[in-house]
Amino acid sequence: MKEIIATELSKLDRGIVATPKSFEDLQSFTQANNGSMDILLMQMSMQFGMKLALEYLANKLVGSEPIAKG
């Protein structure tokens, strides 16, 4: 399970669209784009949600041991 989570987390860093590191980064991009590039913002939001879900699973399933990105 640790390998699967690590692999999926690493995929988020290699995509064409950057995955925000934090909610603040996503919010900053949202304010800066002034309503343009909504498709890009939507993709960033989905990737950030996936990142949060994987980190949550890692904490619940694996425990407090950190997971290295694949």
Protein backbone atom coordinates (compact mmCIF):
# COMPACT_ATOMS: atom_id res chain seq x y z
CA MET A 1 0.00 0.00 0.00
CA LYS A 2 2.89 2.35 0.81
CA GLU A 3 4.31 1.84 -2.69
CA ILE A 4 1.01 2.59 -4.38
CA ILE A 5 0.50 5.81 -2.42
CA ALA A 6 4.10 6.91 -3.03
CA THR A 7 3.78 6.21 -6.76
CA GLU A 8 0.53 8.15 -7.06
CA LEU A 9 1.95 11.10 -5.10
CA SER A 10 4.99 11.22 -7.38
CA LYS A 11 2.75 11.25 -10.48
CA LEU A 12 1.15 14.47 -9.26
CA ASP A 13 4.52 16.22 -9.43
CA ARG A 14 5.22 15.12 -13.01
CA GLY A 15 2.09 16.28 -14.79
CA ILE A 16 1.73 19.11 -17.27
CA VAL A 17 -0.34 21.04 -14.72
CA ALA A 18 1.40 21.81 -11.44
CA THR A 19 -0.11 20.41 -8.26
CA PRO A 20 -0.33 23.16 -5.64
CA LYS A 21 1.76 22.45 -2.55
CA SER A 22 -0.82 24.04 -0.25
CA PHE A 23 -4.32 25.50 -0.18
CA GLU A 24 -2.73 28.94 0.02
CA ASP A 25 -0.89 28.33 -3.28
CA LEU A 26 -4.15 27.30 -4.95
CA GLN A 27 -5.95 30.31 -3.52
CA SER A 28 -3.16 32.64 -4.67
CA PHE A 29 -3.41 31.31 -8.24
CA THR A 30 -7.19 31.70 -8.14
CA GLN A 31 -6.91 35.37 -7.19
CA ALA A 32 -4.13 36.06 -9.71
CA ASN A 33 -5.92 34.63 -12.77
CA ASN A 34 -9.03 36.84 -12.40
CA GLY A 35 -11.42 34.28 -13.89
CA SER A 36 -9.37 33.29 -16.89
CA MET A 37 -7.98 29.80 -17.40
CA ASP A 38 -10.80 28.19 -15.41
CA ILE A 39 -10.01 24.78 -16.92
CA LEU A 40 -6.47 25.03 -15.56
CA LEU A 41 -7.76 26.06 -12.15
CA MET A 42 -10.18 23.14 -12.16
CA GLN A 43 -7.36 20.69 -12.95
CA MET A 44 -5.16 22.17 -10.22
CA SER A 45 -8.04 21.83 -7.75
CA MET A 46 -8.63 18.20 -8.67
CA GLN A 47 -4.95 17.37 -8.33
CA PHE A 48 -4.75 19.15 -4.97
CA GLY A 49 -7.77 17.14 -3.80
CA MET A 50 -6.09 13.92 -4.92
CA LYS A 51 -2.93 14.93 -3.04
CA LEU A 52 -4.94 15.56 0.14
CA ALA A 53 -6.75 12.23 -0.22
CA LEU A 54 -3.52 10.29 -0.71
CA GLU A 55 -1.88 12.00 2.26
CA TYR A 56 -4.94 11.21 4.38
CA LEU A 57 -4.85 7.55 3.34
CA ALA A 58 -1.15 7.39 4.07
CA ASN A 59 -1.75 8.69 7.59
CA LYS A 60 -4.71 6.38 8.27
CA LEU A 61 -3.51 3.18 6.63
CA VAL A 62 0.22 3.32 7.14
CA GLY A 63 0.38 5.29 10.39
CA SER A 64 2.65 8.16 11.20
CA GLU A 65 5.61 6.76 9.21
CA PRO A 66 6.31 9.19 6.34
CA ILE A 67 5.94 7.92 2.77
CA ALA A 68 8.66 8.82 0.32
CA LYS A 69 7.46 9.95 -3.08
CA GLY A 70 8.22 7.18 -5.60
